[in-house]
Amino acid sequence: MAFYSTCREILRYLLGWAGPQPARVPARPKYELLVISPDTRFFSSLVHIVAPYDWEVRWTRSINGAINILADGSAPVVIYDWCPATEDWSRLIARLISLPETPCIILAAGQVDEALWHRAINQHVYDVVWRTGHSRHLLATLEFAWKWRTDRRLRGAGRLRGVASLGSNAIAFREREFPGPSGSLHM
């Protein structure tokens, strides 16, 4: 029996007959991320963190470079590295929000607190993350931001406005997501 089976396989190979095809694994989505930061160490640390998760990371030092990259609608998720001594992030975020294809913007800050988070949400930022450490939180935030942004794009919901698009319910939504012992937000 083994002889006939082997001959059959050789004949199929020589004649180009299609045999049973292996099951194809669906391709994982290629995640895209744009990092806006003058700090090469911050950029390289992000590349190191997200590399095992199949993220394509692009980098620019300035908001003008980011606008040029985002002009073609790529990179639905943006991390803006805020350097408090040098610039007003809310003015620069407003420039990103005004793009026709608004990206999902994540603000990276050296110090994260509730006041900064509230200010960021009011400026249509998806979330605020720590610049260093907290890599699990960063990865989770990136993944949720990617899914949220691509779902919105697929549904053709028009302009994306971050979590603040929930209107006055944004704070209540966030407090349900991360309830503290007294019901207030704790990060």
N, C-alpha and C. Protein backbone atom coordinates (compact mmCIF):
# COMPACT_ATOMS: atom_id res chain seq x y z
N MET A 1 0.81 -1.19 0.00
CA MET A 1 0.00 0.00 0.00
C MET A 1 0.85 1.25 0.00
N ALA A 2 1.94 1.26 0.76
CA ALA A 2 2.78 2.44 0.83
C ALA A 2 3.40 2.75 -0.52
N PHE A 3 3.69 1.70 -1.33
CA PHE A 3 4.28 1.91 -2.64
C PHE A 3 3.31 2.68 -3.55
N TYR A 4 2.03 2.24 -3.57
CA TYR A 4 1.03 2.90 -4.41
C TYR A 4 0.79 4.35 -3.96
N SER A 5 0.78 4.57 -2.66
CA SER A 5 0.58 5.90 -2.13
C SER A 5 1.72 6.82 -2.53
N THR A 6 2.95 6.31 -2.48
CA THR A 6 4.11 7.10 -2.86
C THR A 6 4.08 7.41 -4.35
N CYS A 7 3.72 6.41 -5.17
CA CYS A 7 3.62 6.63 -6.62
C CYS A 7 2.57 7.68 -6.95
N ARG A 8 1.46 7.61 -6.26
CA ARG A 8 0.39 8.58 -6.48
C ARG A 8 0.88 10.00 -6.16
N GLU A 9 1.60 10.16 -5.06
CA GLU A 9 2.12 11.48 -4.68
C GLU A 9 3.13 11.98 -5.70
N ILE A 10 3.99 11.09 -6.20
CA ILE A 10 4.97 11.50 -7.22
C ILE A 10 4.26 11.91 -8.50
N LEU A 11 3.24 11.15 -8.90
CA LEU A 11 2.48 11.48 -10.10
C LEU A 11 1.78 12.83 -9.95
N ARG A 12 1.19 13.07 -8.81
CA ARG A 12 0.55 14.36 -8.56
C ARG A 12 1.57 15.50 -8.65
N TYR A 13 2.71 15.28 -8.08
CA TYR A 13 3.75 16.31 -8.11
C TYR A 13 4.20 16.60 -9.53
N LEU A 14 4.45 15.51 -10.33
CA LEU A 14 4.93 15.69 -11.69
C LEU A 14 3.89 16.32 -12.60
N LEU A 15 2.63 16.00 -12.39
CA LEU A 15 1.59 16.52 -13.25
C LEU A 15 1.01 17.85 -12.74
N GLY A 16 1.42 18.26 -11.55
CA GLY A 16 0.96 19.53 -11.01
C GLY A 16 -0.45 19.49 -10.48
N TRP A 17 -0.96 18.29 -10.17
CA TRP A 17 -2.30 18.21 -9.60
C TRP A 17 -2.29 18.77 -8.20
N ALA A 18 -3.34 19.46 -7.90
CA ALA A 18 -3.44 20.05 -6.56
C ALA A 18 -3.82 18.97 -5.55
N GLY A 19 -3.03 18.86 -4.57
CA GLY A 19 -3.34 17.96 -3.47
C GLY A 19 -4.08 18.73 -2.40
N PRO A 20 -4.27 18.10 -1.28
CA PRO A 20 -4.93 18.83 -0.20
C PRO A 20 -4.09 20.04 0.22
N GLN A 21 -4.74 21.18 0.27
CA GLN A 21 -4.07 22.42 0.62
C GLN A 21 -4.03 22.59 2.14
N PRO A 22 -2.89 23.03 2.66
CA PRO A 22 -2.85 23.28 4.11
C PRO A 22 -3.77 24.46 4.46
N ALA A 23 -4.32 24.37 5.64
CA ALA A 23 -5.21 25.45 6.08
C ALA A 23 -4.40 26.74 6.19
N ARG A 24 -4.96 27.80 5.65
CA ARG A 24 -4.27 29.09 5.69
C ARG A 24 -4.64 29.82 6.98
N VAL A 25 -3.61 30.33 7.60
CA VAL A 25 -3.82 31.11 8.81
C VAL A 25 -4.11 32.54 8.38
N PRO A 26 -5.20 33.13 8.88
CA PRO A 26 -5.48 34.52 8.49
C PRO A 26 -4.36 35.43 8.95
N ALA A 27 -4.00 36.36 8.08
CA ALA A 27 -2.92 37.29 8.40
C ALA A 27 -3.34 38.22 9.53
N ARG A 28 -2.43 38.40 10.48
CA ARG A 28 -2.69 39.36 11.56
C ARG A 28 -2.60 40.76 11.00
N PRO A 29 -3.40 41.65 11.53
CA PRO A 29 -3.30 43.02 11.03
C PRO A 29 -1.95 43.63 11.37
N LYS A 30 -1.44 44.40 10.47
CA LYS A 30 -0.19 45.10 10.72
C LYS A 30 -0.56 46.42 11.37
N TYR A 31 -0.20 46.54 12.64
CA TYR A 31 -0.52 47.76 13.38
C TYR A 31 0.42 48.87 12.95
N GLU A 32 -0.11 50.08 12.88
CA GLU A 32 0.68 51.24 12.50
C GLU A 32 0.66 52.26 13.63
N LEU A 33 1.82 52.82 13.91
CA LEU A 33 1.96 53.78 14.98
C LEU A 33 2.91 54.87 14.51
N LEU A 34 2.53 56.12 14.76
CA LEU A 34 3.41 57.25 14.48
C LEU A 34 3.81 57.87 15.80
N VAL A 35 5.10 58.01 16.01
CA VAL A 35 5.61 58.62 17.23
C VAL A 35 6.13 60.01 16.89
N ILE A 36 5.62 61.01 17.61
CA ILE A 36 6.09 62.38 17.45
C ILE A 36 6.90 62.70 18.69
N SER A 37 8.22 62.76 18.51
CA SER A 37 9.10 63.00 19.65
C SER A 37 10.46 63.48 19.17
N PRO A 38 11.01 64.49 19.85
CA PRO A 38 12.38 64.90 19.54
C PRO A 38 13.40 63.97 20.21
N ASP A 39 12.95 63.08 21.07
CA ASP A 39 13.81 62.22 21.88
C ASP A 39 14.00 60.86 21.21
N THR A 40 15.20 60.60 20.68
CA THR A 40 15.47 59.33 20.02
C THR A 40 15.43 58.16 20.99
N ARG A 41 15.77 58.38 22.26
CA ARG A 41 15.70 57.30 23.25
C ARG A 41 14.26 56.87 23.50
N PHE A 42 13.35 57.83 23.57
CA PHE A 42 11.94 57.51 23.76
C PHE A 42 11.44 56.70 22.57
N PHE A 43 11.76 57.13 21.36
CA PHE A 43 11.36 56.41 20.16
C PHE A 43 11.92 54.98 20.17
N SER A 44 13.20 54.83 20.45
CA SER A 44 13.79 53.49 20.42
C SER A 44 13.21 52.59 21.51
N SER A 45 12.85 53.16 22.66
CA SER A 45 12.22 52.34 23.70
C SER A 45 10.84 51.87 23.25
N LEU A 46 10.10 52.71 22.54
CA LEU A 46 8.80 52.29 22.01
C LEU A 46 8.95 51.19 20.97
N VAL A 47 9.93 51.33 20.09
CA VAL A 47 10.18 50.29 19.09
C VAL A 47 10.49 48.97 19.78
N HIS A 48 11.30 49.01 20.81
CA HIS A 48 11.66 47.81 21.55
C HIS A 48 10.43 47.18 22.22
N ILE A 49 9.55 47.99 22.77
CA ILE A 49 8.36 47.48 23.47
C ILE A 49 7.37 46.84 22.49
N VAL A 50 7.13 47.47 21.35
CA VAL A 50 6.07 46.99 20.45
C VAL A 50 6.55 46.03 19.37
N ALA A 51 7.84 45.87 19.19
CA ALA A 51 8.36 45.01 18.12
C ALA A 51 7.81 43.58 18.16
N PRO A 52 7.74 42.94 19.32
CA PRO A 52 7.21 41.56 19.34
C PRO A 52 5.72 41.45 18.97
N TYR A 53 5.03 42.57 18.90
CA TYR A 53 3.58 42.56 18.65
C TYR A 53 3.22 43.02 17.25
N ASP A 54 4.17 43.04 16.35
CA ASP A 54 3.95 43.32 14.93
C ASP A 54 3.44 44.74 14.65
N TRP A 55 3.98 45.70 15.37
CA TRP A 55 3.65 47.10 15.12
C TRP A 55 4.66 47.69 14.15
N GLU A 56 4.18 48.42 13.18
CA GLU A 56 5.05 49.20 12.30
C GLU A 56 5.12 50.60 12.90
N VAL A 57 6.32 51.00 13.31
CA VAL A 57 6.48 52.27 14.01
C VAL A 57 7.20 53.26 13.10
N ARG A 58 6.58 54.40 12.94
CA ARG A 58 7.19 55.49 12.17
C ARG A 58 7.51 56.60 13.16
N TRP A 59 8.46 57.44 12.79
CA TRP A 59 8.94 58.45 13.72
C TRP A 59 9.14 59.78 13.02
N THR A 60 8.77 60.84 13.72
CA THR A 60 9.08 62.18 13.27
C THR A 60 9.39 63.02 14.50
N ARG A 61 10.21 64.01 14.33
CA ARG A 61 10.62 64.87 15.45
C ARG A 61 9.64 66.01 15.71
N SER A 62 8.81 66.35 14.72
CA SER A 62 7.99 67.56 14.87
C SER A 62 6.55 67.32 14.42
N ILE A 63 5.71 68.24 14.80
CA ILE A 63 4.30 68.19 14.40
C ILE A 63 4.17 68.41 12.90
N ASN A 64 5.03 69.24 12.32
CA ASN A 64 4.98 69.46 10.87
C ASN A 64 5.31 68.18 10.11
N GLY A 65 6.30 67.45 10.59
CA GLY A 65 6.63 66.15 9.97
C GLY A 65 5.47 65.17 10.09
N ALA A 66 4.80 65.20 11.23
CA ALA A 66 3.65 64.32 11.45
C ALA A 66 2.51 64.64 10.49
N ILE A 67 2.26 65.91 10.30
CA ILE A 67 1.18 66.31 9.39
C ILE A 67 1.48 65.84 7.98
N ASN A 68 2.74 65.92 7.57
CA ASN A 68 3.12 65.43 6.24
C ASN A 68 2.91 63.92 6.13
N ILE A 69 3.28 63.18 7.16
CA ILE A 69 3.11 61.72 7.15
C ILE A 69 1.63 61.35 7.17
N LEU A 70 0.85 62.07 7.98
CA LEU A 70 -0.57 61.74 8.13
C LEU A 70 -1.42 62.21 6.95
N ALA A 71 -0.84 62.97 6.05
CA ALA A 71 -1.60 63.49 4.91
C ALA A 71 -2.17 62.37 4.05
N ASP A 72 -1.51 61.21 4.01
CA ASP A 72 -2.02 60.10 3.21
C ASP A 72 -2.96 59.18 3.99
N GLY A 73 -3.29 59.54 5.23
CA GLY A 73 -4.25 58.77 6.01
C GLY A 73 -3.65 57.57 6.72
N SER A 74 -2.34 57.41 6.67
CA SER A 74 -1.73 56.28 7.35
C SER A 74 -1.56 56.58 8.83
N ALA A 75 -1.15 55.59 9.56
CA ALA A 75 -0.89 55.69 11.00
C ALA A 75 -2.11 56.19 11.77
N PRO A 76 -3.09 55.33 11.95
CA PRO A 76 -4.29 55.76 12.67
C PRO A 76 -4.06 56.01 14.16
N VAL A 77 -2.91 55.58 14.70
CA VAL A 77 -2.60 55.81 16.10
C VAL A 77 -1.32 56.64 16.18
N VAL A 78 -1.38 57.72 16.99
CA VAL A 78 -0.24 58.61 17.15
C VAL A 78 0.08 58.74 18.63
N ILE A 79 1.36 58.61 18.96
CA ILE A 79 1.81 58.94 20.32
C ILE A 79 2.55 60.26 20.23
N TYR A 80 2.04 61.24 20.97
CA TYR A 80 2.70 62.54 21.03
C TYR A 80 3.47 62.61 22.33
N ASP A 81 4.79 62.75 22.23
CA ASP A 81 5.67 62.84 23.39
C ASP A 81 5.73 64.29 23.84
N TRP A 82 5.13 64.53 25.00
CA TRP A 82 5.06 65.91 25.50
C TRP A 82 6.27 66.23 26.35
N CYS A 83 7.00 67.24 25.93
CA CYS A 83 8.15 67.76 26.69
C CYS A 83 7.69 69.08 27.29
N PRO A 84 7.27 69.08 28.56
CA PRO A 84 6.62 70.26 29.14
C PRO A 84 7.42 71.55 29.08
N ALA A 85 8.73 71.46 29.11
CA ALA A 85 9.53 72.69 29.13
C ALA A 85 9.56 73.39 27.77
N THR A 86 9.22 72.67 26.71
CA THR A 86 9.42 73.25 25.39
C THR A 86 8.17 73.68 24.66
N GLU A 87 7.02 73.06 24.93
CA GLU A 87 5.89 73.38 24.07
C GLU A 87 4.53 73.18 24.75
N ASP A 88 3.52 73.81 24.17
CA ASP A 88 2.15 73.67 24.62
C ASP A 88 1.51 72.56 23.80
N TRP A 89 1.32 71.38 24.41
CA TRP A 89 0.82 70.23 23.67
C TRP A 89 -0.60 70.43 23.16
N SER A 90 -1.44 71.18 23.87
CA SER A 90 -2.84 71.31 23.45
C SER A 90 -2.96 72.04 22.11
N ARG A 91 -2.12 73.02 21.88
CA ARG A 91 -2.13 73.74 20.60
C ARG A 91 -1.71 72.82 19.46
N LEU A 92 -0.71 71.98 19.72
CA LEU A 92 -0.22 71.07 18.68
C LEU A 92 -1.20 69.92 18.43
N ILE A 93 -1.86 69.45 19.48
CA ILE A 93 -2.87 68.41 19.32
C ILE A 93 -4.03 68.95 18.47
N ALA A 94 -4.37 70.20 18.67
CA ALA A 94 -5.45 70.81 17.88
C ALA A 94 -5.11 70.78 16.39
N ARG A 95 -3.85 70.92 16.05
CA ARG A 95 -3.45 70.83 14.64
C ARG A 95 -3.67 69.43 14.09
N LEU A 96 -3.41 68.40 14.91
CA LEU A 96 -3.63 67.02 14.47
C LEU A 96 -5.13 66.71 14.35
N ILE A 97 -5.91 67.26 15.27
CA ILE A 97 -7.36 67.03 15.26
C ILE A 97 -8.00 67.64 14.02
N SER A 98 -7.40 68.71 13.50
CA SER A 98 -8.00 69.39 12.35
C SER A 98 -7.74 68.66 11.03
N LEU A 99 -6.97 67.59 11.04
CA LEU A 99 -6.71 66.84 9.80
C LEU A 99 -7.99 66.16 9.32
N PRO A 100 -8.13 66.00 8.00
CA PRO A 100 -9.34 65.34 7.48
C PRO A 100 -9.50 63.91 8.01
N GLU A 101 -8.43 63.19 8.15
CA GLU A 101 -8.43 61.81 8.65
C GLU A 101 -7.78 61.85 10.03
N THR A 102 -8.54 62.22 11.04
CA THR A 102 -8.01 62.45 12.38
C THR A 102 -7.50 61.15 13.00
N PRO A 103 -6.24 61.11 13.45
CA PRO A 103 -5.73 59.91 14.09
C PRO A 103 -6.19 59.82 15.54
N CYS A 104 -6.03 58.65 16.11
CA CYS A 104 -6.28 58.45 17.54
C CYS A 104 -5.00 58.86 18.26
N ILE A 105 -5.08 59.88 19.09
CA ILE A 105 -3.89 60.49 19.68
C ILE A 105 -3.74 60.06 21.13
N ILE A 106 -2.54 59.61 21.45
CA ILE A 106 -2.18 59.24 22.82
C ILE A 106 -1.08 60.19 23.26
N LEU A 107 -1.25 60.79 24.42
CA LEU A 107 -0.27 61.74 24.95
C LEU A 107 0.65 60.98 25.91
N ALA A 108 1.96 61.06 25.68
CA ALA A 108 2.94 60.47 26.59
C ALA A 108 3.53 61.59 27.43
N ALA A 109 3.46 61.42 28.75
CA ALA A 109 3.92 62.47 29.66
C ALA A 109 4.81 61.87 30.73
N GLY A 110 5.71 62.69 31.25
CA GLY A 110 6.60 62.26 32.31
C GLY A 110 5.87 62.09 33.63
N GLN A 111 4.83 62.87 33.83
CA GLN A 111 4.02 62.81 35.06
C GLN A 111 2.56 62.76 34.65
N VAL A 112 1.86 61.72 35.04
CA VAL A 112 0.45 61.56 34.70
C VAL A 112 -0.37 61.70 35.97
N ASP A 113 -1.36 62.58 35.90
CA ASP A 113 -2.28 62.72 37.03
C ASP A 113 -3.68 62.99 36.49
N GLU A 114 -4.63 63.05 37.39
CA GLU A 114 -6.03 63.21 36.99
C GLU A 114 -6.27 64.54 36.28
N ALA A 115 -5.62 65.60 36.71
CA ALA A 115 -5.80 66.92 36.08
C ALA A 115 -5.32 66.89 34.63
N LEU A 116 -4.16 66.29 34.40
CA LEU A 116 -3.65 66.18 33.03
C LEU A 116 -4.58 65.32 32.19
N TRP A 117 -5.05 64.23 32.76
CA TRP A 117 -5.94 63.34 32.01
C TRP A 117 -7.22 64.08 31.62
N HIS A 118 -7.83 64.82 32.55
CA HIS A 118 -9.05 65.57 32.24
C HIS A 118 -8.78 66.62 31.14
N ARG A 119 -7.67 67.31 31.24
CA ARG A 119 -7.32 68.32 30.24
C ARG A 119 -7.12 67.66 28.87
N ALA A 120 -6.45 66.51 28.86
CA ALA A 120 -6.22 65.80 27.60
C ALA A 120 -7.53 65.32 26.97
N ILE A 121 -8.41 64.75 27.77
CA ILE A 121 -9.69 64.28 27.25
C ILE A 121 -10.49 65.45 26.67
N ASN A 122 -10.44 66.58 27.31
CA ASN A 122 -11.15 67.76 26.79
C ASN A 122 -10.54 68.26 25.49
N GLN A 123 -9.29 67.91 25.23
CA GLN A 123 -8.62 68.28 23.98
C GLN A 123 -8.72 67.17 22.93
N HIS A 124 -9.57 66.16 23.18
CA HIS A 124 -9.83 65.05 22.26
C HIS A 124 -8.67 64.07 22.14
N VAL A 125 -7.93 63.88 23.21
CA VAL A 125 -6.86 62.88 23.27
C VAL A 125 -7.49 61.57 23.74
N TYR A 126 -7.09 60.47 23.15
CA TYR A 126 -7.65 59.16 23.51
C TYR A 126 -7.28 58.75 24.93
N ASP A 127 -5.99 58.90 25.28
CA ASP A 127 -5.55 58.53 26.62
C ASP A 127 -4.19 59.19 26.88
N VAL A 128 -3.79 59.17 28.15
CA VAL A 128 -2.49 59.67 28.56
C VAL A 128 -1.71 58.50 29.16
N VAL A 129 -0.46 58.34 28.73
CA VAL A 129 0.39 57.25 29.23
C VAL A 129 1.69 57.83 29.76
N TRP A 130 2.34 57.06 30.61
CA TRP A 130 3.65 57.45 31.14
C TRP A 130 4.70 57.31 30.04
N ARG A 131 5.67 58.22 30.02
CA ARG A 131 6.77 58.15 29.05
C ARG A 131 7.64 56.92 29.28
N THR A 132 7.87 56.56 30.52
CA THR A 132 8.75 55.43 30.82
C THR A 132 8.04 54.48 31.78
N GLY A 133 8.49 53.23 31.75
CA GLY A 133 7.86 52.23 32.60
C GLY A 133 6.45 51.95 32.09
N HIS A 134 5.69 51.21 32.82
CA HIS A 134 4.28 50.95 32.51
C HIS A 134 4.07 50.42 31.09
N SER A 135 4.94 49.54 30.62
CA SER A 135 4.85 49.06 29.24
C SER A 135 3.58 48.25 28.98
N ARG A 136 3.09 47.52 29.98
CA ARG A 136 1.84 46.77 29.78
C ARG A 136 0.66 47.71 29.54
N HIS A 137 0.61 48.79 30.32
CA HIS A 137 -0.45 49.77 30.12
C HIS A 137 -0.33 50.40 28.74
N LEU A 138 0.88 50.70 28.33
CA LEU A 138 1.10 51.29 27.01
C LEU A 138 0.63 50.34 25.92
N LEU A 139 1.00 49.06 26.00
CA LEU A 139 0.58 48.09 24.98
C LEU A 139 -0.93 47.95 24.94
N ALA A 140 -1.56 47.87 26.09
CA ALA A 140 -3.02 47.75 26.12
C ALA A 140 -3.67 49.00 25.52
N THR A 141 -3.15 50.16 25.86
CA THR A 141 -3.70 51.41 25.32
C THR A 141 -3.54 51.46 23.81
N LEU A 142 -2.39 51.06 23.30
CA LEU A 142 -2.16 51.05 21.86
C LEU A 142 -3.12 50.09 21.15
N GLU A 143 -3.28 48.90 21.71
CA GLU A 143 -4.16 47.93 21.08
C GLU A 143 -5.61 48.40 21.06
N PHE A 144 -6.09 48.93 22.19
CA PHE A 144 -7.46 49.43 22.24
C PHE A 144 -7.63 50.64 21.32
N ALA A 145 -6.65 51.51 21.28
CA ALA A 145 -6.72 52.68 20.40
C ALA A 145 -6.78 52.24 18.93
N TRP A 146 -5.96 51.27 18.57
CA TRP A 146 -5.96 50.75 17.19
C TRP A 146 -7.33 50.18 16.84
N LYS A 147 -7.86 49.33 17.71
CA LYS A 147 -9.15 48.70 17.42
C LYS A 147 -10.26 49.74 17.35
N TRP A 148 -10.25 50.67 18.28
CA TRP A 148 -11.26 51.70 18.31
C TRP A 148 -11.21 52.55 17.03
N ARG A 149 -10.00 52.93 16.65
CA ARG A 149 -9.82 53.79 15.48
C ARG A 149 -10.19 53.06 14.19
N THR A 150 -9.74 51.83 14.03
CA THR A 150 -10.04 51.10 12.80
C THR A 150 -11.52 50.73 12.72
N ASP A 151 -12.16 50.43 13.87
CA ASP A 151 -13.60 50.18 13.86
C ASP A 151 -14.36 51.42 13.41
N ARG A 152 -13.96 52.57 13.92
CA ARG A 152 -14.61 53.82 13.53
C ARG A 152 -14.40 54.09 12.04
N ARG A 153 -13.21 53.79 11.55
CA ARG A 153 -12.91 54.02 10.13
C ARG A 153 -13.76 53.10 9.27
N LEU A 154 -13.90 51.84 9.66
CA LEU A 154 -14.67 50.89 8.89
C LEU A 154 -16.16 51.24 8.86
N ARG A 155 -16.66 51.78 9.94
CA ARG A 155 -18.07 52.15 10.00
C ARG A 155 -18.35 53.47 9.30
N GLY A 156 -17.28 54.18 8.91
CA GLY A 156 -17.47 55.46 8.22
C GLY A 156 -18.18 56.47 9.10
N ALA A 157 -17.76 56.54 10.36
CA ALA A 157 -18.45 57.40 11.32
C ALA A 157 -18.09 58.86 11.16
N GLY A 158 -17.35 59.21 10.16
CA GLY A 158 -16.99 60.62 10.00
C GLY A 158 -15.78 60.96 10.83
N ARG A 159 -15.70 62.17 11.29
CA ARG A 159 -14.53 62.65 12.02
C ARG A 159 -14.45 61.99 13.38
N LEU A 160 -13.26 61.57 13.71
CA LEU A 160 -12.99 60.93 14.99
C LEU A 160 -12.59 62.00 15.99
N ARG A 161 -13.15 61.95 17.17
CA ARG A 161 -12.86 62.97 18.16
C ARG A 161 -12.41 62.39 19.49
N GLY A 162 -11.76 61.24 19.50
CA GLY A 162 -11.23 60.69 20.75
C GLY A 162 -12.34 60.29 21.70
N VAL A 163 -11.99 59.94 22.91
CA VAL A 163 -12.95 59.54 23.92
C VAL A 163 -13.90 60.69 24.23
N ALA A 164 -13.47 61.90 24.00
CA ALA A 164 -14.31 63.06 24.30
C ALA A 164 -15.56 63.08 23.43
N SER A 165 -15.60 62.26 22.37
CA SER A 165 -16.80 62.21 21.55
C SER A 165 -17.98 61.63 22.31
N LEU A 166 -17.71 61.06 23.48
CA LEU A 166 -18.80 60.57 24.31
C LEU A 166 -19.54 61.73 24.97
N GLY A 167 -19.05 62.93 24.76
CA GLY A 167 -19.71 64.11 25.30
C GLY A 167 -19.53 64.20 26.80
N SER A 168 -20.59 64.60 27.47
CA SER A 168 -20.50 64.79 28.92
C SER A 168 -20.37 63.47 29.66
N ASN A 169 -20.57 62.35 28.98
CA ASN A 169 -20.46 61.06 29.63
C ASN A 169 -19.03 60.52 29.66
N ALA A 170 -18.07 61.26 29.10
CA ALA A 170 -16.69 60.77 29.03
C ALA A 170 -16.12 60.50 30.41
N ILE A 171 -16.32 61.40 31.34
CA ILE A 171 -15.77 61.22 32.68
C ILE A 171 -16.48 60.06 33.38
N ALA A 172 -17.80 59.98 33.26
CA ALA A 172 -18.54 58.88 33.87
C ALA A 172 -18.11 57.55 33.27
N PHE A 173 -17.87 57.51 31.95
CA PHE A 173 -17.41 56.30 31.29
C PHE A 173 -16.06 55.88 31.85
N ARG A 174 -15.14 56.83 31.98
CA ARG A 174 -13.81 56.52 32.47
C ARG A 174 -13.85 56.06 33.93
N GLU A 175 -14.73 56.66 34.74
CA GLU A 175 -14.82 56.25 36.14
C GLU A 175 -15.42 54.85 36.26
N ARG A 176 -16.32 54.48 35.36
CA ARG A 176 -16.82 53.10 35.36
C ARG A 176 -15.72 52.14 34.95
N GLU A 177 -14.84 52.61 34.05
CA GLU A 177 -13.75 51.76 33.56
C GLU A 177 -12.70 51.54 34.64
N PHE A 178 -12.37 52.57 35.43
CA PHE A 178 -11.37 52.48 36.48
C PHE A 178 -11.94 53.02 37.80
N PRO A 179 -12.86 52.30 38.41
CA PRO A 179 -13.43 52.85 39.65
C PRO A 179 -12.42 52.79 40.80
N GLY A 180 -12.42 53.80 41.60
CA GLY A 180 -11.58 53.84 42.79
C GLY A 180 -12.42 53.53 44.00
N PRO A 181 -11.83 53.50 45.19
CA PRO A 181 -12.60 53.15 46.38
C PRO A 181 -13.69 54.16 46.69
N SER A 182 -13.51 55.41 46.33
CA SER A 182 -14.55 56.41 46.62
C SER A 182 -15.33 56.77 45.36
N GLY A 183 -15.13 56.00 44.28
CA GLY A 183 -15.84 56.27 43.04
C GLY A 183 -15.13 57.28 42.15
N SER A 184 -14.01 57.84 42.62
CA SER A 184 -13.29 58.80 41.79
C SER A 184 -12.21 58.09 41.01
N LEU A 185 -11.68 58.77 40.05
CA LEU A 185 -10.68 58.20 39.15
C LEU A 185 -9.34 58.08 39.88
N HIS A 186 -8.73 56.91 39.81
CA HIS A 186 -7.40 56.71 40.37
C HIS A 186 -6.53 56.08 39.30
N MET A 187 -5.40 56.71 39.01
CA MET A 187 -4.49 56.16 38.00
C MET A 187 -3.17 55.83 38.61
